[in-house]
Structure formats: structure tokens, C-alpha cells
């Protein structure tokens, strides 16, 4: 099983924190406030597991999926160190091999969809949507779709710096910012809320909360 993050996985969480001045970690956890104790949560592309551990602390039953053994190695170390109160189920596999249709109260995809090509990202988003129970949530945290004007220029530069680094060091595909609200809607959800994370008044990241249509 190919590991696209073997070279840079060790610093993934730290670099995201520093690059975004702490906004990316906040974005990852933003929609956990909608969880209830006992909810079933799946985190796709869990990485180092910020939101997975926090969801466990909130009483959720968490399943974490990642194709990268490098990422999961660091996630396991974090679990050992932070000792979340509920055991987290870890799946080392492609997300398409997770076929728990309609089983999750919340499926979280944070900074995961941005690694895929235009055709593939739709397929992945649609598959994630199938895992959400009717009335449950699909959460996508990502780089914002650029606006018009000077803010859009800053947003575009912010994205292209990041994707230039990761497309050259991982298997992430180089591409423009995808329409993530559109992908959430395409996965069978209505947009209930979007929370933005800015630096100096420019929105750079957003967490999108979609509710699965019954």
C-alpha cells in the first residue's frame, strides 16, 4: 500500500498550525459542537487526529481512516500521549473500502478533499455522503473559494503556496481551489452553516456543515 506522506508526514500537523497561524486546527474542530454523546463519527484522512481525539473527548464513538501508515503512526503516538477517554477505531485503508452506508452521525473531511483531481474529488465527496445517516452531518474543512478583488488574490496565493509544497512532496494533485460547498451539496446534503477563519480580516479557511437529506 503506497504511502504518499512518508517524506513529510512527521511535520504535517505542525506546519499546518504555523502556516495558518493556528487557524487550521481551529477549523478542524469547529463543527464538533454539533455532536452528542454516543454519536458515531468517521474522520476521513485523519492525519495526526486533532478532530478525532477531540470528538472522543466529547463522548463520540470515533472511526479514523487514513491510507498513510506514516500519518497513522503519528496518530497512534498522539493517542498514547493524550489518552482520549473512548477507544478510537483505526482503519488503514482507502476510504472507498469503507462501506458503512448510512452508519455515521457525522463524517468529517478536513483538508482531505484538496489532494484529489477534479473528477476524483467528486467521487470521494459523493462516497463520504453515502456514509452519513439521513439527518446526519457531512463536515468539510478546507481552503476557501477565492472571492473577487484583492481578498481573492490573497486567498489564491495562500492556496497555491500550500498546494505547490504538497504536490511536490506528496501525491496531492496540483489544482485550483475546488467548490467545496458545491461538493457537499452534490453528496446529498444541504448547507446548514459555514464558519470562516481569517487572518487580518481575510477569510482563508472555512468549515462547512452539511446535513444529509433523508
N, C-alpha and C. Protein backbone atom coordinates (compact mmCIF):
# COMPACT_ATOMS: atom_id res chain seq x y z
N UNK A 1 0.85 -1.19 0.00
CA UNK A 1 0.00 0.00 0.00
C UNK A 1 0.90 1.25 0.00
N UNK A 2 0.81 2.06 -1.04
CA UNK A 2 1.72 3.20 -1.19
C UNK A 2 1.40 4.29 -0.18
N UNK A 3 2.46 4.85 0.41
CA UNK A 3 2.31 5.89 1.42
C UNK A 3 2.81 7.22 0.85
N UNK A 4 1.88 8.08 0.46
CA UNK A 4 2.25 9.34 -0.17
C UNK A 4 2.79 10.39 0.78
N UNK A 5 2.75 10.11 2.10
CA UNK A 5 3.19 11.11 3.08
C UNK A 5 4.42 10.66 3.87
N UNK A 6 5.13 9.66 3.37
CA UNK A 6 6.28 9.14 4.11
C UNK A 6 7.36 10.20 4.31
N UNK A 7 7.45 11.16 3.38
CA UNK A 7 8.52 12.16 3.44
C UNK A 7 8.18 13.31 4.38
N UNK A 8 6.92 13.74 4.40
CA UNK A 8 6.56 14.97 5.12
C UNK A 8 5.56 14.75 6.24
N UNK A 9 5.12 13.52 6.43
CA UNK A 9 4.07 13.26 7.42
C UNK A 9 4.43 13.66 8.83
N UNK A 10 5.71 13.59 9.18
CA UNK A 10 6.13 13.87 10.55
C UNK A 10 5.85 15.31 10.97
N UNK A 11 5.86 16.23 10.01
CA UNK A 11 5.68 17.65 10.35
C UNK A 11 4.35 18.22 9.88
N UNK A 12 3.46 17.37 9.42
CA UNK A 12 2.22 17.82 8.78
C UNK A 12 1.39 18.70 9.71
N UNK A 13 1.18 18.24 10.93
CA UNK A 13 0.34 18.99 11.86
C UNK A 13 0.99 20.31 12.26
N UNK A 14 2.29 20.27 12.55
CA UNK A 14 2.99 21.48 12.96
C UNK A 14 3.04 22.51 11.84
N UNK A 15 3.34 22.06 10.63
CA UNK A 15 3.44 23.02 9.52
C UNK A 15 2.09 23.67 9.23
N UNK A 16 1.00 22.89 9.32
CA UNK A 16 -0.32 23.46 9.13
C UNK A 16 -0.66 24.49 10.18
N UNK A 17 -0.27 24.20 11.42
CA UNK A 17 -0.52 25.14 12.52
C UNK A 17 0.25 26.44 12.30
N UNK A 18 1.53 26.32 11.97
CA UNK A 18 2.36 27.51 11.79
C UNK A 18 1.95 28.29 10.55
N UNK A 19 1.70 27.60 9.46
CA UNK A 19 1.36 28.26 8.20
C UNK A 19 0.08 29.07 8.32
N UNK A 20 -0.89 28.54 9.07
CA UNK A 20 -2.19 29.19 9.19
C UNK A 20 -2.31 30.04 10.46
N UNK A 21 -1.23 30.17 11.21
CA UNK A 21 -1.25 30.89 12.48
C UNK A 21 -2.34 30.34 13.41
N UNK A 22 -2.46 29.01 13.42
CA UNK A 22 -3.39 28.34 14.31
C UNK A 22 -4.81 28.21 13.79
N UNK A 23 -5.09 28.74 12.61
CA UNK A 23 -6.48 28.69 12.11
C UNK A 23 -6.88 27.29 11.66
N UNK A 24 -5.96 26.54 11.05
CA UNK A 24 -6.32 25.20 10.57
C UNK A 24 -6.75 24.28 11.71
N UNK A 25 -6.04 24.20 12.83
CA UNK A 25 -6.53 23.36 13.94
C UNK A 25 -7.91 23.80 14.43
N UNK A 26 -8.16 25.09 14.50
CA UNK A 26 -9.48 25.58 14.92
C UNK A 26 -10.55 25.20 13.92
N UNK A 27 -10.21 25.28 12.64
CA UNK A 27 -11.14 24.90 11.58
C UNK A 27 -11.51 23.43 11.69
N UNK A 28 -10.54 22.59 12.01
CA UNK A 28 -10.77 21.15 12.08
C UNK A 28 -11.78 20.78 13.17
N UNK A 29 -11.79 21.54 14.25
CA UNK A 29 -12.65 21.20 15.38
C UNK A 29 -13.93 22.01 15.44
N UNK A 30 -14.13 22.91 14.50
CA UNK A 30 -15.21 23.90 14.59
C UNK A 30 -16.59 23.29 14.71
N UNK A 31 -16.88 22.23 13.98
CA UNK A 31 -18.24 21.69 13.93
C UNK A 31 -18.49 20.56 14.92
N UNK A 32 -17.50 20.25 15.75
CA UNK A 32 -17.69 19.20 16.75
C UNK A 32 -18.74 19.59 17.79
N UNK A 33 -19.04 20.88 17.90
CA UNK A 33 -20.06 21.35 18.84
C UNK A 33 -21.44 20.80 18.50
N UNK A 34 -21.60 20.25 17.32
CA UNK A 34 -22.89 19.68 16.92
C UNK A 34 -23.02 18.20 17.31
N UNK A 35 -21.99 17.64 17.91
CA UNK A 35 -22.03 16.24 18.32
C UNK A 35 -22.78 16.07 19.63
N UNK A 36 -23.36 14.88 19.79
CA UNK A 36 -23.94 14.45 21.05
C UNK A 36 -23.18 13.23 21.55
N UNK A 37 -23.19 13.02 22.84
CA UNK A 37 -22.52 11.85 23.40
C UNK A 37 -23.11 10.58 22.78
N UNK A 38 -22.23 9.69 22.36
CA UNK A 38 -22.66 8.45 21.75
C UNK A 38 -22.81 8.50 20.24
N UNK A 39 -22.67 9.69 19.64
CA UNK A 39 -22.73 9.79 18.18
C UNK A 39 -21.61 8.99 17.54
N UNK A 40 -21.90 8.44 16.36
CA UNK A 40 -20.89 7.72 15.59
C UNK A 40 -20.26 8.69 14.59
N UNK A 41 -18.93 8.81 14.66
CA UNK A 41 -18.20 9.78 13.84
C UNK A 41 -17.13 9.06 13.03
N UNK A 42 -17.03 9.42 11.75
CA UNK A 42 -15.93 8.94 10.91
C UNK A 42 -15.10 10.13 10.47
N UNK A 43 -13.79 10.02 10.63
CA UNK A 43 -12.87 11.05 10.17
C UNK A 43 -12.07 10.49 9.00
N UNK A 44 -12.27 11.06 7.82
CA UNK A 44 -11.59 10.59 6.61
C UNK A 44 -10.28 11.35 6.43
N UNK A 45 -9.19 10.60 6.18
CA UNK A 45 -7.89 11.25 6.08
C UNK A 45 -7.52 11.88 7.40
N UNK A 46 -7.49 11.06 8.45
CA UNK A 46 -7.40 11.57 9.82
C UNK A 46 -6.09 12.28 10.13
N UNK A 47 -5.02 11.95 9.41
CA UNK A 47 -3.74 12.60 9.69
C UNK A 47 -3.29 12.37 11.13
N UNK A 48 -2.91 13.44 11.81
CA UNK A 48 -2.47 13.33 13.20
C UNK A 48 -3.63 13.32 14.19
N UNK A 49 -4.85 13.53 13.71
CA UNK A 49 -6.01 13.22 14.53
C UNK A 49 -6.54 14.28 15.46
N UNK A 50 -6.34 15.56 15.17
CA UNK A 50 -6.84 16.64 16.04
C UNK A 50 -8.32 16.48 16.34
N UNK A 51 -9.14 16.39 15.31
CA UNK A 51 -10.58 16.34 15.49
C UNK A 51 -11.06 15.00 16.00
N UNK A 52 -10.34 13.92 15.67
CA UNK A 52 -10.73 12.59 16.14
C UNK A 52 -10.59 12.48 17.66
N UNK A 53 -9.50 12.99 18.18
CA UNK A 53 -9.28 12.93 19.63
C UNK A 53 -10.26 13.83 20.35
N UNK A 54 -10.52 15.01 19.81
CA UNK A 54 -11.47 15.91 20.44
C UNK A 54 -12.88 15.33 20.42
N UNK A 55 -13.26 14.67 19.32
CA UNK A 55 -14.58 14.04 19.25
C UNK A 55 -14.70 12.93 20.29
N UNK A 56 -13.63 12.19 20.50
CA UNK A 56 -13.64 11.16 21.53
C UNK A 56 -13.84 11.77 22.91
N UNK A 57 -13.19 12.89 23.15
CA UNK A 57 -13.34 13.57 24.45
C UNK A 57 -14.78 14.05 24.66
N UNK A 58 -15.48 14.31 23.56
CA UNK A 58 -16.87 14.74 23.66
C UNK A 58 -17.84 13.58 23.79
N UNK A 59 -17.32 12.36 23.83
CA UNK A 59 -18.16 11.20 24.04
C UNK A 59 -18.59 10.47 22.79
N UNK A 60 -18.04 10.85 21.63
CA UNK A 60 -18.40 10.19 20.38
C UNK A 60 -17.66 8.87 20.21
N UNK A 61 -18.25 7.97 19.43
CA UNK A 61 -17.59 6.73 19.02
C UNK A 61 -16.93 7.01 17.67
N UNK A 62 -15.61 7.06 17.67
CA UNK A 62 -14.87 7.59 16.52
C UNK A 62 -14.21 6.47 15.72
N UNK A 63 -14.36 6.55 14.41
CA UNK A 63 -13.62 5.72 13.46
C UNK A 63 -12.72 6.65 12.65
N UNK A 64 -11.43 6.32 12.59
CA UNK A 64 -10.46 7.15 11.88
C UNK A 64 -9.86 6.37 10.72
N UNK A 65 -9.87 6.97 9.53
CA UNK A 65 -9.42 6.29 8.32
C UNK A 65 -8.29 7.08 7.69
N UNK A 66 -7.22 6.38 7.30
CA UNK A 66 -6.15 7.02 6.55
C UNK A 66 -5.40 5.97 5.76
N UNK A 67 -5.01 6.33 4.54
CA UNK A 67 -4.24 5.44 3.68
C UNK A 67 -2.76 5.46 4.02
N UNK A 68 -2.32 6.52 4.71
CA UNK A 68 -0.91 6.71 5.02
C UNK A 68 -0.55 6.08 6.37
N UNK A 69 0.32 5.09 6.36
CA UNK A 69 0.80 4.49 7.61
C UNK A 69 1.65 5.49 8.38
N UNK A 70 2.33 6.39 7.66
CA UNK A 70 3.10 7.44 8.35
C UNK A 70 2.19 8.29 9.21
N UNK A 71 1.08 8.73 8.65
CA UNK A 71 0.14 9.54 9.40
C UNK A 71 -0.43 8.76 10.59
N UNK A 72 -0.78 7.52 10.35
CA UNK A 72 -1.37 6.72 11.42
C UNK A 72 -0.36 6.44 12.53
N UNK A 73 0.90 6.33 12.19
CA UNK A 73 1.93 6.14 13.21
C UNK A 73 1.96 7.33 14.17
N UNK A 74 1.90 8.53 13.60
CA UNK A 74 1.90 9.73 14.45
C UNK A 74 0.58 9.86 15.21
N UNK A 75 -0.52 9.44 14.60
CA UNK A 75 -1.81 9.48 15.27
C UNK A 75 -1.80 8.53 16.47
N UNK A 76 -1.28 7.34 16.29
CA UNK A 76 -1.21 6.39 17.41
C UNK A 76 -0.35 6.93 18.55
N UNK A 77 0.75 7.57 18.20
CA UNK A 77 1.60 8.18 19.24
C UNK A 77 0.82 9.24 20.01
N UNK A 78 0.03 10.00 19.28
CA UNK A 78 -0.76 11.05 19.93
C UNK A 78 -1.83 10.45 20.84
N UNK A 79 -2.43 9.37 20.41
CA UNK A 79 -3.41 8.68 21.25
C UNK A 79 -2.75 8.21 22.55
N UNK A 80 -1.58 7.61 22.43
CA UNK A 80 -0.85 7.14 23.60
C UNK A 80 -0.53 8.28 24.56
N UNK A 81 -0.17 9.42 24.00
CA UNK A 81 0.20 10.57 24.81
C UNK A 81 -1.02 11.25 25.44
N UNK A 82 -2.07 11.45 24.67
CA UNK A 82 -3.21 12.24 25.14
C UNK A 82 -4.32 11.41 25.78
N UNK A 83 -4.31 10.11 25.53
CA UNK A 83 -5.24 9.18 26.19
C UNK A 83 -6.70 9.64 26.10
N UNK A 84 -7.27 9.67 24.90
CA UNK A 84 -8.70 10.01 24.78
C UNK A 84 -9.54 9.00 25.55
N UNK A 85 -10.67 9.44 26.10
CA UNK A 85 -11.44 8.59 27.01
C UNK A 85 -12.11 7.39 26.36
N UNK A 86 -12.38 7.45 25.05
CA UNK A 86 -13.02 6.34 24.36
C UNK A 86 -12.06 5.80 23.29
N UNK A 87 -12.03 4.51 23.15
CA UNK A 87 -11.16 3.90 22.15
C UNK A 87 -11.56 4.35 20.75
N UNK A 88 -10.56 4.67 19.95
CA UNK A 88 -10.78 5.10 18.57
C UNK A 88 -10.48 3.94 17.63
N UNK A 89 -11.44 3.61 16.80
CA UNK A 89 -11.24 2.56 15.79
C UNK A 89 -10.42 3.12 14.63
N UNK A 90 -9.32 2.47 14.31
CA UNK A 90 -8.42 2.94 13.26
C UNK A 90 -8.47 1.99 12.07
N UNK A 91 -8.68 2.55 10.89
CA UNK A 91 -8.70 1.76 9.66
C UNK A 91 -7.60 2.27 8.73
N UNK A 92 -6.65 1.40 8.42
CA UNK A 92 -5.58 1.73 7.48
C UNK A 92 -5.99 1.24 6.11
N UNK A 93 -6.64 2.10 5.33
CA UNK A 93 -7.18 1.65 4.05
C UNK A 93 -7.63 2.86 3.23
N UNK A 94 -7.94 2.59 1.98
CA UNK A 94 -8.55 3.58 1.09
C UNK A 94 -9.97 3.84 1.58
N UNK A 95 -10.39 5.09 1.55
CA UNK A 95 -11.72 5.45 2.04
C UNK A 95 -12.82 4.73 1.25
N UNK A 96 -12.56 4.38 -0.02
CA UNK A 96 -13.57 3.69 -0.82
C UNK A 96 -13.82 2.26 -0.33
N UNK A 97 -12.91 1.74 0.46
CA UNK A 97 -13.10 0.40 1.02
C UNK A 97 -13.89 0.42 2.32
N UNK A 98 -14.26 1.61 2.77
CA UNK A 98 -15.15 1.75 3.92
C UNK A 98 -16.57 1.86 3.36
N UNK A 99 -17.38 0.86 3.64
CA UNK A 99 -18.71 0.79 3.02
C UNK A 99 -19.81 0.74 4.07
N UNK A 100 -19.63 1.48 5.14
CA UNK A 100 -20.63 1.53 6.21
C UNK A 100 -21.74 2.50 5.83
N UNK A 101 -22.50 2.15 4.82
CA UNK A 101 -23.51 3.06 4.26
C UNK A 101 -24.52 3.50 5.33
N UNK A 102 -24.66 4.82 5.47
CA UNK A 102 -25.66 5.38 6.36
C UNK A 102 -25.45 5.10 7.84
N UNK A 103 -24.21 4.85 8.24
CA UNK A 103 -23.94 4.42 9.62
C UNK A 103 -23.45 5.53 10.55
N UNK A 104 -23.12 6.70 10.01
CA UNK A 104 -22.46 7.71 10.83
C UNK A 104 -23.32 8.96 11.03
N UNK A 105 -23.29 9.45 12.27
CA UNK A 105 -23.97 10.71 12.58
C UNK A 105 -23.21 11.91 12.04
N UNK A 106 -21.90 11.77 11.92
CA UNK A 106 -21.07 12.83 11.36
C UNK A 106 -19.88 12.21 10.64
N UNK A 107 -19.68 12.62 9.39
CA UNK A 107 -18.49 12.26 8.63
C UNK A 107 -17.69 13.53 8.42
N UNK A 108 -16.42 13.50 8.81
CA UNK A 108 -15.57 14.69 8.77
C UNK A 108 -14.48 14.51 7.72
N UNK A 109 -14.35 15.50 6.85
CA UNK A 109 -13.29 15.52 5.85
C UNK A 109 -12.59 16.87 5.94
N UNK A 110 -11.51 16.91 6.70
CA UNK A 110 -10.77 18.15 6.89
C UNK A 110 -9.46 18.13 6.12
N UNK A 111 -9.31 19.04 5.17
CA UNK A 111 -8.08 19.18 4.40
C UNK A 111 -7.68 17.82 3.80
N UNK A 112 -8.70 17.13 3.31
CA UNK A 112 -8.55 15.81 2.70
C UNK A 112 -8.96 15.85 1.23
N UNK A 113 -10.09 16.49 0.95
CA UNK A 113 -10.57 16.55 -0.43
C UNK A 113 -9.61 17.33 -1.33
N UNK A 114 -8.79 18.19 -0.75
CA UNK A 114 -7.93 19.04 -1.58
C UNK A 114 -6.76 18.29 -2.22
N UNK A 115 -6.60 17.00 -1.92
CA UNK A 115 -5.49 16.26 -2.54
C UNK A 115 -5.88 15.65 -3.88
N UNK A 116 -7.18 15.71 -4.25
CA UNK A 116 -7.67 14.95 -5.39
C UNK A 116 -7.88 15.80 -6.64
N UNK A 117 -7.87 15.13 -7.79
CA UNK A 117 -8.18 15.78 -9.06
C UNK A 117 -9.66 16.12 -9.12
N UNK A 118 -10.05 16.88 -10.14
CA UNK A 118 -11.43 17.35 -10.24
C UNK A 118 -12.43 16.20 -10.34
N UNK A 119 -12.11 15.21 -11.13
CA UNK A 119 -13.02 14.07 -11.26
C UNK A 119 -13.04 13.24 -9.97
N UNK A 120 -11.88 12.98 -9.42
CA UNK A 120 -11.78 12.13 -8.24
C UNK A 120 -12.39 12.77 -7.02
N UNK A 121 -12.26 14.09 -6.88
CA UNK A 121 -12.78 14.74 -5.68
C UNK A 121 -14.29 14.61 -5.60
N UNK A 122 -14.98 14.64 -6.73
CA UNK A 122 -16.43 14.44 -6.73
C UNK A 122 -16.77 13.02 -6.28
N UNK A 123 -16.02 12.06 -6.77
CA UNK A 123 -16.26 10.66 -6.39
C UNK A 123 -16.05 10.46 -4.89
N UNK A 124 -14.99 11.06 -4.36
CA UNK A 124 -14.70 10.91 -2.93
C UNK A 124 -15.78 11.58 -2.10
N UNK A 125 -16.14 12.82 -2.45
CA UNK A 125 -17.18 13.53 -1.70
C UNK A 125 -18.51 12.78 -1.74
N UNK A 126 -18.86 12.26 -2.89
CA UNK A 126 -20.12 11.51 -3.01
C UNK A 126 -20.08 10.24 -2.16
N UNK A 127 -18.93 9.57 -2.13
CA UNK A 127 -18.80 8.37 -1.29
C UNK A 127 -18.94 8.72 0.19
N UNK A 128 -18.30 9.81 0.61
CA UNK A 128 -18.44 10.24 2.00
C UNK A 128 -19.90 10.50 2.35
N UNK A 129 -20.62 11.08 1.40
CA UNK A 129 -22.04 11.34 1.63
C UNK A 129 -22.84 10.08 1.87
N UNK A 130 -22.44 8.97 1.23
CA UNK A 130 -23.18 7.71 1.42
C UNK A 130 -22.99 7.15 2.83
N UNK A 131 -21.95 7.55 3.51
CA UNK A 131 -21.66 7.02 4.85
C UNK A 131 -22.46 7.72 5.94
N UNK A 132 -23.05 8.87 5.61
CA UNK A 132 -23.80 9.66 6.58
C UNK A 132 -25.23 9.15 6.66
N UNK A 133 -25.75 8.99 7.86
CA UNK A 133 -27.15 8.60 8.01
C UNK A 133 -28.06 9.76 7.60
N UNK A 134 -29.29 9.49 7.18
CA UNK A 134 -30.23 10.57 6.89
C UNK A 134 -30.40 11.48 8.12
N UNK A 135 -30.23 12.76 7.92
CA UNK A 135 -30.30 13.72 9.02
C UNK A 135 -28.97 13.96 9.71
N UNK A 136 -27.95 13.17 9.36
CA UNK A 136 -26.62 13.35 9.93
C UNK A 136 -25.84 14.44 9.21
N UNK A 137 -24.59 14.60 9.61
CA UNK A 137 -23.78 15.71 9.10
C UNK A 137 -22.59 15.25 8.27
N UNK A 138 -22.31 15.99 7.21
CA UNK A 138 -21.05 15.91 6.49
C UNK A 138 -20.32 17.22 6.72
N UNK A 139 -19.11 17.15 7.25
CA UNK A 139 -18.33 18.34 7.58
C UNK A 139 -17.09 18.38 6.69
N UNK A 140 -16.86 19.51 6.04
CA UNK A 140 -15.69 19.70 5.19
C UNK A 140 -14.97 20.97 5.63
N UNK A 141 -13.73 20.82 6.09
CA UNK A 141 -12.88 21.96 6.41
C UNK A 141 -11.82 22.11 5.34
N UNK A 142 -11.68 23.31 4.79
CA UNK A 142 -10.79 23.48 3.63
C UNK A 142 -10.35 24.93 3.46
N UNK A 143 -9.55 25.15 2.43
CA UNK A 143 -9.21 26.49 1.96
C UNK A 143 -10.44 27.08 1.27
N UNK A 144 -10.68 28.38 1.50
CA UNK A 144 -11.88 29.00 0.95
C UNK A 144 -11.77 29.18 -0.56
N UNK A 145 -12.94 29.18 -1.20
CA UNK A 145 -13.02 29.52 -2.61
C UNK A 145 -12.77 31.03 -2.75
N UNK A 146 -11.78 31.45 -3.54
CA UNK A 146 -11.43 32.87 -3.61
C UNK A 146 -12.58 33.78 -4.03
N UNK A 147 -12.64 34.94 -3.38
CA UNK A 147 -13.63 35.98 -3.70
C UNK A 147 -13.12 36.83 -4.86
N UNK A 148 -13.89 37.84 -5.21
CA UNK A 148 -13.44 38.85 -6.16
C UNK A 148 -12.57 39.88 -5.42
N UNK A 149 -11.76 40.58 -6.15
CA UNK A 149 -10.99 41.68 -5.57
C UNK A 149 -9.71 41.24 -4.89
N UNK A 150 -9.15 42.16 -4.09
CA UNK A 150 -7.83 41.92 -3.51
C UNK A 150 -7.84 40.78 -2.50
N UNK A 151 -8.96 40.58 -1.81
CA UNK A 151 -9.03 39.46 -0.88
C UNK A 151 -8.89 38.13 -1.63
N UNK A 152 -9.52 38.07 -2.80
CA UNK A 152 -9.41 36.86 -3.60
C UNK A 152 -7.98 36.58 -4.04
N UNK A 153 -7.23 37.65 -4.29
CA UNK A 153 -5.82 37.48 -4.66
C UNK A 153 -5.04 36.86 -3.49
N UNK A 154 -5.27 37.39 -2.27
CA UNK A 154 -4.61 36.84 -1.08
C UNK A 154 -5.02 35.38 -0.86
N UNK A 155 -6.31 35.09 -1.01
CA UNK A 155 -6.80 33.71 -0.83
C UNK A 155 -6.17 32.77 -1.85
N UNK A 156 -6.06 33.23 -3.08
CA UNK A 156 -5.47 32.41 -4.13
C UNK A 156 -4.00 32.13 -3.86
N UNK A 157 -3.27 33.15 -3.45
CA UNK A 157 -1.85 32.98 -3.14
C UNK A 157 -1.67 32.01 -1.98
N UNK A 158 -2.51 32.18 -0.95
CA UNK A 158 -2.44 31.29 0.22
C UNK A 158 -2.61 29.83 -0.19
N UNK A 159 -3.57 29.57 -1.07
CA UNK A 159 -3.80 28.20 -1.53
C UNK A 159 -2.65 27.69 -2.37
N UNK A 160 -2.18 28.48 -3.34
CA UNK A 160 -1.17 27.98 -4.26
C UNK A 160 0.19 27.77 -3.60
N UNK A 161 0.48 28.53 -2.55
CA UNK A 161 1.71 28.24 -1.79
C UNK A 161 1.60 26.85 -1.17
N UNK A 162 0.46 26.58 -0.54
CA UNK A 162 0.27 25.29 0.13
C UNK A 162 0.29 24.13 -0.86
N UNK A 163 -0.49 24.22 -1.93
CA UNK A 163 -0.57 23.09 -2.85
C UNK A 163 0.73 22.91 -3.63
N UNK A 164 1.48 23.98 -3.84
CA UNK A 164 2.78 23.84 -4.52
C UNK A 164 3.73 22.99 -3.68
N UNK A 165 3.71 23.23 -2.37
CA UNK A 165 4.57 22.45 -1.47
C UNK A 165 4.13 21.00 -1.43
N UNK A 166 2.83 20.77 -1.22
CA UNK A 166 2.38 19.40 -1.02
C UNK A 166 2.28 18.60 -2.31
N UNK A 167 2.05 19.23 -3.44
CA UNK A 167 2.03 18.47 -4.69
C UNK A 167 3.44 18.05 -5.10
N UNK A 168 4.44 18.76 -4.58
CA UNK A 168 5.83 18.40 -4.91
C UNK A 168 6.43 17.40 -3.92
N UNK A 169 5.79 17.22 -2.77
CA UNK A 169 6.35 16.33 -1.74
C UNK A 169 5.44 15.15 -1.42
N UNK A 170 4.19 15.17 -1.91
CA UNK A 170 3.25 14.08 -1.68
C UNK A 170 2.57 13.74 -3.01
N UNK A 171 1.53 12.93 -2.94
CA UNK A 171 0.79 12.58 -4.15
C UNK A 171 -0.40 13.51 -4.38
N UNK A 172 -0.47 14.62 -3.65
CA UNK A 172 -1.54 15.59 -3.87
C UNK A 172 -1.45 16.15 -5.29
N UNK A 173 -2.61 16.37 -5.90
CA UNK A 173 -2.69 16.88 -7.27
C UNK A 173 -2.70 18.40 -7.24
N UNK A 174 -1.92 19.02 -8.14
CA UNK A 174 -1.89 20.48 -8.25
C UNK A 174 -3.15 20.94 -8.99
N UNK A 175 -3.91 21.84 -8.39
CA UNK A 175 -5.18 22.27 -8.98
C UNK A 175 -5.65 23.56 -8.31
N UNK A 176 -6.65 24.24 -8.89
CA UNK A 176 -7.24 25.41 -8.23
C UNK A 176 -8.09 24.97 -7.05
N UNK A 177 -8.59 25.93 -6.28
CA UNK A 177 -9.46 25.60 -5.15
C UNK A 177 -10.78 25.06 -5.68
N UNK A 178 -11.20 23.93 -5.12
CA UNK A 178 -12.48 23.35 -5.54
C UNK A 178 -13.65 24.05 -4.84
N UNK A 179 -14.82 23.90 -5.43
CA UNK A 179 -16.05 24.45 -4.87
C UNK A 179 -16.57 23.48 -3.81
N UNK A 180 -16.08 23.62 -2.59
CA UNK A 180 -16.41 22.66 -1.55
C UNK A 180 -17.89 22.70 -1.13
N UNK A 181 -18.53 23.86 -1.02
CA UNK A 181 -19.98 23.83 -0.77
C UNK A 181 -20.73 23.07 -1.85
N UNK A 182 -20.31 23.24 -3.10
CA UNK A 182 -20.94 22.51 -4.20
C UNK A 182 -20.75 21.01 -4.07
N UNK A 183 -19.57 20.60 -3.60
CA UNK A 183 -19.30 19.17 -3.40
C UNK A 183 -20.17 18.60 -2.28
N UNK A 184 -20.35 19.39 -1.21
CA UNK A 184 -21.21 18.94 -0.11
C UNK A 184 -22.65 18.77 -0.59
N UNK A 185 -23.12 19.72 -1.37
CA UNK A 185 -24.48 19.61 -1.92
C UNK A 185 -24.59 18.42 -2.87
N UNK A 186 -23.55 18.21 -3.68
CA UNK A 186 -23.55 17.10 -4.61
C UNK A 186 -23.55 15.75 -3.91
N UNK A 187 -23.09 15.73 -2.65
CA UNK A 187 -23.07 14.50 -1.87
C UNK A 187 -24.40 14.24 -1.17
N UNK A 188 -25.41 15.03 -1.51
CA UNK A 188 -26.75 14.80 -0.97
C UNK A 188 -27.05 15.52 0.32
N UNK A 189 -26.39 16.66 0.55
CA UNK A 189 -26.57 17.40 1.79
C UNK A 189 -27.01 18.84 1.51
N UNK A 190 -27.69 19.42 2.46
CA UNK A 190 -27.99 20.85 2.42
C UNK A 190 -26.99 21.56 3.32
N UNK A 191 -26.58 22.75 2.92
CA UNK A 191 -25.63 23.52 3.73
C UNK A 191 -26.37 24.16 4.89
N UNK A 192 -25.98 23.84 6.11
CA UNK A 192 -26.62 24.40 7.30
C UNK A 192 -25.83 25.56 7.89
N UNK A 193 -24.51 25.50 7.77
CA UNK A 193 -23.70 26.56 8.40
C UNK A 193 -22.31 26.53 7.80
N UNK A 194 -21.71 27.70 7.67
CA UNK A 194 -20.30 27.82 7.28
C UNK A 194 -19.62 28.75 8.28
N UNK A 195 -18.51 28.27 8.83
CA UNK A 195 -17.74 29.08 9.76
C UNK A 195 -16.40 29.41 9.11
N UNK A 196 -16.03 30.69 9.16
CA UNK A 196 -14.81 31.16 8.49
C UNK A 196 -13.70 31.41 9.49
N UNK A 197 -12.46 31.30 8.99
CA UNK A 197 -11.28 31.54 9.81
C UNK A 197 -10.36 32.48 9.02
N UNK A 198 -10.16 33.66 9.56
CA UNK A 198 -9.46 34.70 8.82
C UNK A 198 -8.11 35.04 9.45
N UNK A 199 -7.28 35.68 8.67
CA UNK A 199 -6.05 36.31 9.14
C UNK A 199 -6.08 37.74 8.63
N UNK A 200 -6.03 38.69 9.56
CA UNK A 200 -6.06 40.12 9.24
C UNK A 200 -7.27 40.47 8.38
N UNK A 201 -8.41 39.87 8.71
CA UNK A 201 -9.65 40.22 8.04
C UNK A 201 -9.90 39.54 6.71
N UNK A 202 -9.01 38.65 6.30
CA UNK A 202 -9.19 37.91 5.05
C UNK A 202 -9.53 36.46 5.38
N UNK A 203 -10.71 36.00 4.96
CA UNK A 203 -11.10 34.62 5.20
C UNK A 203 -10.23 33.68 4.36
N UNK A 204 -9.54 32.77 5.04
CA UNK A 204 -8.64 31.85 4.34
C UNK A 204 -9.08 30.40 4.43
N UNK A 205 -9.83 30.06 5.48
CA UNK A 205 -10.27 28.67 5.68
C UNK A 205 -11.73 28.69 6.09
N UNK A 206 -12.45 27.60 5.79
CA UNK A 206 -13.85 27.52 6.21
C UNK A 206 -14.18 26.08 6.59
N UNK A 207 -15.09 25.97 7.53
CA UNK A 207 -15.66 24.68 7.90
C UNK A 207 -17.11 24.68 7.49
N UNK A 208 -17.47 23.72 6.64
CA UNK A 208 -18.80 23.67 6.03
C UNK A 208 -19.59 22.52 6.65
N UNK A 209 -20.75 22.83 7.18
CA UNK A 209 -21.62 21.83 7.82
C UNK A 209 -22.79 21.53 6.89
N UNK A 210 -22.83 20.30 6.38
CA UNK A 210 -23.95 19.87 5.55
C UNK A 210 -24.79 18.84 6.26
N UNK A 211 -26.11 18.91 6.09
CA UNK A 211 -26.99 17.89 6.69
C UNK A 211 -27.50 16.98 5.58
N UNK A 212 -27.38 15.67 5.80
CA UNK A 212 -27.79 14.69 4.81
C UNK A 212 -29.31 14.69 4.65
N UNK A 213 -29.74 14.79 3.43
CA UNK A 213 -31.15 14.79 3.11
C UNK A 213 -31.71 13.39 3.32
N UNK A 214 -32.81 13.27 4.04
CA UNK A 214 -33.37 11.95 4.33
C UNK A 214 -34.05 11.32 3.13
